[in-house]
Amino acid sequence: MIYKGKLRWMNGTSFIETGKGERLLEECRIWDGYIHHWENQRVCARKLPQQDYETRESIIIMWPDEPPSEIPFVEIYYNERLVKYPASTFGHNAINVNGEFFNFSHLINENEVMDEAEYMYRPALGEFAPSPTTGKFEILENGTAYYDKFGRNFMRGIHVIRLEGIDADRLSGIYHDELNIIHATPSNPDHPEKYRDFSFYKRSCTTLIRDGLQKYGFQKINGFLPRDFFISAAMSLMKAQKKMGFTVQLYNRPQLKVPEAPYSRNSLPMNPMNWTRLKKLKGMI
């Protein structure tokens, strides 16, 4: 069930107010990050199967109430690096194919497809939150997990390439096939939580997205590091748009700052050619 209305905060109580004045989810815990950024704005919400560790009730996920795109689209994301994780030095890539967010990772459970609410706006509650003791990923001795995997737009600034006019269904099929391959791969008995065939150079969050775009027909996109790939994709797609009959828009989604995450930072391009390309794209990504 999806709840809709304006997010309110009154006398220490948060709720969604409908146009008829009804108060929805008043008895539930609504994450402070939502109140901070979206108070008095129209939102949608639903209950997740995951539980809040403090209330032992279903976690409420919330997202802006905006009309869906009437035109099939694709968005390629460069997520800025998380400063508290050395493994995030180069940032991260994901791709949204007409509302399906494909994410690839060295961890099996992070090779997934999800909707915008789950990818962008998960609250920092329950298993999605950082550990209260370390502020990072941690699994306690009793099995309580803090994955530090809440909404990416609360954790990072996100740079976006938006495409309209390509065959979104065909591209979606390419990435679903990759996910099927990943989840059918036998696990490593020593590290069952990890994707056995993950490779920084050949099968990573960046290269799987890059290879899918190349398979679709964008052969000139290259790079194996997140920001280098993103810059290459932006230049290649802008040059190809007129000839191939699609449109390109470049824009940024600023980080929605919350106490659970420090400000993210841009990674530096490693390919010298991308410094030149970046100058041409200055102000766009």
Protein backbone atom coordinates (compact mmCIF):
# COMPACT_ATOMS: atom_id res chain seq x y z
CA MET A 1 0.00 0.00 0.00
CA ILE A 2 1.26 3.47 -0.92
CA TYR A 3 0.41 6.47 1.25
CA LYS A 4 0.30 9.96 -0.27
CA GLY A 5 -0.01 13.48 1.11
CA LYS A 6 2.03 16.28 2.64
CA LEU A 7 4.70 15.41 5.19
CA ARG A 8 3.97 17.23 8.45
CA TRP A 9 5.76 17.76 11.75
CA MET A 10 3.57 19.11 14.55
CA ASN A 11 4.08 19.09 18.32
CA GLY A 12 6.76 16.42 18.15
CA THR A 13 4.72 14.14 15.86
CA SER A 14 5.32 13.36 12.21
CA PHE A 15 2.68 12.14 9.76
CA ILE A 16 1.38 12.38 6.22
CA GLU A 17 -1.64 14.66 5.83
CA THR A 18 -4.06 13.91 2.99
CA GLY A 19 -6.09 16.50 1.11
CA LYS A 20 -9.03 15.60 3.35
CA GLY A 21 -7.04 16.30 6.51
CA GLU A 22 -6.51 12.65 7.44
CA ARG A 23 -3.29 11.81 9.33
CA LEU A 24 -1.52 8.77 7.94
CA LEU A 25 1.36 6.85 9.56
CA GLU A 26 1.07 8.99 12.68
CA GLU A 27 1.76 5.93 14.82
CA CYS A 28 4.93 5.06 12.86
CA ARG A 29 8.48 6.30 13.10
CA ILE A 30 9.35 8.57 10.18
CA TRP A 31 13.07 9.12 9.69
CA ASP A 32 14.37 12.58 10.63
CA GLY A 33 16.12 12.92 7.26
CA TYR A 34 12.76 12.99 5.51
CA ILE A 35 11.44 15.64 7.89
CA HIS A 36 14.53 17.79 7.39
CA HIS A 37 14.35 17.80 3.60
CA TRP A 38 10.67 17.31 2.77
CA GLU A 39 8.57 18.84 5.56
CA ASN A 40 5.35 20.33 4.09
CA GLN A 41 6.07 18.80 0.67
CA ARG A 42 4.03 16.15 -1.13
CA VAL A 43 5.47 12.67 -0.61
CA CYS A 44 4.70 9.01 -1.12
CA ALA A 45 5.46 6.30 1.45
CA ARG A 46 5.17 2.58 2.00
CA LYS A 47 6.18 0.00 4.59
CA LEU A 48 9.24 -2.19 3.99
CA PRO A 49 9.67 -5.80 5.16
CA GLN A 50 12.81 -4.76 7.09
CA GLN A 51 12.31 -3.73 10.72
CA ASP A 52 13.43 -0.69 12.67
CA TYR A 53 15.79 -2.03 15.37
CA GLU A 54 14.42 0.37 17.97
CA THR A 55 10.67 0.07 17.41
CA ARG A 56 10.62 -3.46 15.95
CA GLU A 57 8.07 -2.16 13.45
CA SER A 58 8.26 -2.06 9.67
CA ILE A 59 10.57 0.65 8.32
CA ILE A 60 8.80 3.45 6.45
CA ILE A 61 10.40 4.45 3.16
CA MET A 62 9.46 7.79 1.62
CA TRP A 63 10.07 9.60 -1.67
CA PRO A 64 8.92 12.81 -3.40
CA ASP A 65 5.48 12.61 -5.03
CA GLU A 66 6.39 13.39 -8.63
CA PRO A 67 4.66 12.27 -11.85
CA PRO A 68 6.44 9.45 -13.71
CA SER A 69 8.15 10.17 -17.01
CA GLU A 70 5.85 9.78 -20.00
CA ILE A 71 8.85 9.04 -22.23
CA PRO A 72 11.06 5.92 -21.84
CA PHE A 73 14.45 7.00 -20.54
CA VAL A 74 17.84 5.85 -19.30
CA GLU A 75 19.97 7.56 -16.64
CA ILE A 76 23.62 6.73 -16.04
CA TYR A 77 24.93 7.67 -12.59
CA TYR A 78 28.32 8.52 -11.21
CA ASN A 79 28.03 8.47 -7.40
CA GLU A 80 30.73 10.51 -5.68
CA ARG A 81 33.11 8.73 -3.34
CA LEU A 82 32.32 8.02 0.31
CA VAL A 83 35.10 9.66 2.29
CA LYS A 84 34.95 7.18 5.18
CA TYR A 85 35.57 4.11 2.99
CA PRO A 86 38.95 3.65 1.19
CA ALA A 87 37.26 1.12 -1.12
CA SER A 88 35.08 3.98 -2.38
CA THR A 89 38.05 6.06 -3.58
CA PHE A 90 36.95 5.95 -7.21
CA GLY A 91 33.21 6.40 -6.61
CA HIS A 92 30.49 4.15 -8.00
CA ASN A 93 28.31 3.73 -11.08
CA ALA A 94 24.72 2.58 -11.50
CA ILE A 95 22.16 2.79 -14.29
CA ASN A 96 18.42 3.49 -14.30
CA VAL A 97 16.57 2.00 -17.26
CA ASN A 98 13.07 3.47 -17.32
CA GLY A 99 12.68 3.18 -13.54
CA GLU A 100 14.67 -0.03 -13.01
CA PHE A 101 17.85 0.80 -11.07
CA PHE A 102 20.59 -1.74 -11.82
CA ASN A 103 23.42 -1.93 -9.30
CA PHE A 104 26.50 -4.17 -9.55
CA SER A 105 28.99 -4.92 -6.78
CA HIS A 106 31.57 -7.33 -5.37
CA LEU A 107 28.92 -8.33 -2.81
CA ILE A 108 26.25 -10.76 -4.04
CA ASN A 109 23.38 -9.01 -2.23
CA GLU A 110 24.28 -5.68 -3.86
CA ASN A 111 23.93 -7.06 -7.38
CA GLU A 112 20.28 -6.10 -7.67
CA VAL A 113 17.58 -4.20 -9.48
CA MET A 114 15.31 -1.89 -7.50
CA ASP A 115 13.01 1.10 -7.85
CA GLU A 116 13.94 4.75 -7.31
CA ALA A 117 12.67 4.84 -3.72
CA GLU A 118 14.88 1.92 -2.63
CA TYR A 119 17.96 3.13 -4.50
CA MET A 120 17.80 6.85 -3.77
CA TYR A 121 15.80 7.27 -0.57
CA ARG A 122 16.08 4.36 1.90
CA PRO A 123 16.11 5.78 5.46
CA ALA A 124 19.13 5.36 7.73
CA LEU A 125 17.23 3.01 10.03
CA GLY A 126 17.56 -0.68 10.91
CA GLU A 127 19.89 -2.65 8.65
CA PHE A 128 20.27 0.31 6.26
CA ALA A 129 21.84 2.53 8.94
CA PRO A 130 25.55 2.89 9.80
CA SER A 131 26.66 1.26 13.02
CA PRO A 132 25.98 3.44 16.08
CA THR A 133 29.43 2.52 17.45
CA THR A 134 31.65 2.86 14.35
CA GLY A 135 29.54 4.97 12.01
CA LYS A 136 30.28 2.41 9.27
CA PHE A 137 29.35 -1.07 8.08
CA GLU A 138 29.31 -3.53 10.99
CA ILE A 139 27.72 -6.86 11.89
CA LEU A 140 27.51 -7.36 15.64
CA GLU A 141 28.30 -10.64 17.40
CA ASN A 142 24.57 -11.26 17.90
CA GLY A 143 24.03 -11.01 14.14
CA THR A 144 22.53 -7.53 14.08
CA ALA A 145 23.59 -6.02 10.76
CA TYR A 146 24.35 -2.39 10.02
CA TYR A 147 25.01 -2.34 6.28
CA ASP A 148 25.37 1.47 6.02
CA LYS A 149 23.39 1.24 2.78
CA PHE A 150 20.66 3.86 3.01
CA GLY A 151 19.46 6.13 0.20
CA ARG A 152 22.31 6.91 -2.18
CA ASN A 153 21.16 10.51 -2.61
CA PHE A 154 21.48 10.99 1.16
CA MET A 155 24.95 9.40 1.14
CA ARG A 156 26.39 11.03 -1.99
CA GLY A 157 26.17 13.70 -4.63
CA ILE A 158 25.15 12.07 -7.91
CA HIS A 159 26.06 13.11 -11.47
CA VAL A 160 23.60 12.08 -14.17
CA ILE A 161 23.52 11.45 -17.92
CA ARG A 162 19.89 11.22 -19.06
CA LEU A 163 19.01 9.66 -22.42
CA GLU A 164 15.64 9.76 -24.14
CA GLY A 165 14.87 8.04 -27.42
CA ILE A 166 16.73 4.72 -27.08
CA ASP A 167 15.19 1.25 -26.73
CA ALA A 168 14.90 1.03 -22.93
CA ASP A 169 13.36 -2.47 -23.03
CA ARG A 170 16.30 -3.86 -24.99
CA LEU A 171 18.85 -2.27 -22.65
CA SER A 172 16.94 -3.51 -19.60
CA GLY A 173 17.08 -7.04 -21.00
CA ILE A 174 20.87 -6.82 -21.31
CA TYR A 175 21.26 -5.94 -17.62
CA HIS A 176 18.71 -8.51 -16.43
CA ASP A 177 20.75 -11.14 -18.29
CA GLU A 178 23.89 -9.99 -16.44
CA LEU A 179 22.13 -10.22 -13.07
CA ASN A 180 20.94 -13.75 -13.94
CA ILE A 181 24.52 -14.75 -14.75
CA ILE A 182 25.80 -13.29 -11.48
CA HIS A 183 23.19 -14.97 -9.30
CA ALA A 184 23.67 -18.32 -11.09
CA THR A 185 27.43 -18.26 -10.42
CA PRO A 186 28.48 -20.72 -7.68
CA SER A 187 29.73 -18.95 -4.58
CA ASN A 188 33.19 -19.14 -3.12
CA PRO A 189 32.88 -21.35 0.00
CA ASP A 190 35.40 -19.17 1.84
CA HIS A 191 33.51 -15.94 1.06
CA PRO A 192 29.88 -16.80 0.23
CA GLU A 193 28.85 -13.16 0.59
CA LYS A 194 31.03 -12.13 -2.36
CA TYR A 195 30.48 -12.44 -6.11
CA ARG A 196 33.08 -15.00 -7.15
CA ASP A 197 33.78 -13.59 -10.63
CA PHE A 198 33.96 -9.93 -9.63
CA SER A 199 36.89 -8.21 -11.32
CA PHE A 200 37.99 -4.60 -10.88
CA TYR A 201 38.99 -4.54 -14.57
CA LYS A 202 36.42 -6.84 -16.22
CA ARG A 203 33.30 -7.37 -14.08
CA SER A 204 32.68 -4.43 -11.74
CA CYS A 205 30.01 -1.79 -11.10
CA THR A 206 31.55 0.19 -13.97
CA THR A 207 32.55 -2.40 -16.55
CA LEU A 208 29.24 -4.31 -16.46
CA ILE A 209 27.36 -1.08 -17.17
CA ARG A 210 29.91 -0.07 -19.83
CA ASP A 211 29.75 -3.47 -21.53
CA GLY A 212 25.95 -3.35 -21.56
CA LEU A 213 26.03 0.02 -23.32
CA GLN A 214 28.61 -1.28 -25.79
CA LYS A 215 26.46 -4.34 -26.47
CA TYR A 216 23.55 -2.01 -27.16
CA GLY A 217 25.66 -0.17 -29.76
CA PHE A 218 27.62 2.58 -28.01
CA GLN A 219 31.02 1.18 -28.94
CA LYS A 220 33.05 4.32 -28.24
CA ILE A 221 32.27 4.42 -24.52
CA ASN A 222 35.28 3.20 -22.54
CA GLY A 223 36.93 3.28 -19.11
CA PHE A 224 36.97 0.94 -16.12
CA LEU A 225 37.05 3.53 -13.31
CA PRO A 226 33.71 5.13 -12.38
CA ARG A 227 34.44 8.77 -13.16
CA ASP A 228 36.56 8.09 -16.24
CA PHE A 229 33.79 5.89 -17.64
CA PHE A 230 31.18 8.55 -16.84
CA ILE A 231 33.11 11.32 -18.60
CA SER A 232 33.74 9.07 -21.61
CA ALA A 233 30.04 8.15 -21.75
CA ALA A 234 28.96 11.80 -21.53
CA MET A 235 31.22 12.86 -24.42
CA SER A 236 30.46 9.83 -26.59
CA LEU A 237 26.71 10.07 -26.15
CA MET A 238 26.60 13.82 -26.76
CA LYS A 239 28.49 13.33 -30.02
CA ALA A 240 26.28 10.41 -31.11
CA GLN A 241 22.86 11.82 -30.19
CA LYS A 242 22.06 13.58 -33.46
CA LYS A 243 23.23 10.72 -35.67
CA MET A 244 21.50 8.00 -33.60
CA GLY A 245 18.29 9.93 -32.93
CA PHE A 246 18.24 10.28 -29.15
CA THR A 247 18.70 13.21 -26.77
CA VAL A 248 21.17 13.73 -23.92
CA GLN A 249 20.83 15.86 -20.80
CA LEU A 250 23.55 16.24 -18.15
CA TYR A 251 22.67 17.33 -14.63
CA ASN A 252 23.53 16.82 -10.95
CA ARG A 253 21.53 15.56 -7.99
CA PRO A 254 23.12 17.34 -4.98
CA GLN A 255 23.59 15.29 -1.83
CA LEU A 256 20.68 15.55 0.60
CA LYS A 257 22.84 16.05 3.68
CA VAL A 258 21.94 14.12 6.85
CA PRO A 259 23.96 13.49 10.06
CA GLU A 260 24.47 9.82 9.16
CA ALA A 261 26.73 10.66 6.20
CA PRO A 262 29.54 13.18 5.68
CA TYR A 263 29.69 15.10 2.41
CA SER A 264 30.83 12.94 -0.49
CA ARG A 265 33.61 14.06 -2.84
CA ASN A 266 34.40 13.86 -6.52
CA SER A 267 37.03 11.40 -7.68
CA LEU A 268 39.80 12.67 -9.94
CA PRO A 269 39.89 11.36 -13.53
CA MET A 270 42.82 8.99 -14.01
CA ASN A 271 42.85 9.06 -17.82
CA PRO A 272 44.64 12.25 -19.02
CA MET A 273 42.24 12.45 -21.99
CA ASN A 274 39.38 12.91 -19.55
CA TRP A 275 40.87 16.11 -18.17
CA THR A 276 40.47 17.58 -21.65
CA ARG A 277 36.97 16.16 -22.01
CA LEU A 278 36.04 17.49 -18.59
CA LYS A 279 36.95 21.02 -19.62
CA LYS A 280 34.50 20.75 -22.52
CA LEU A 281 31.83 19.49 -20.12
CA LYS A 282 32.58 22.08 -17.43
CA GLY A 283 29.45 23.12 -15.58
CA MET A 284 27.47 20.16 -16.92
CA ILE A 285 28.80 17.26 -14.80
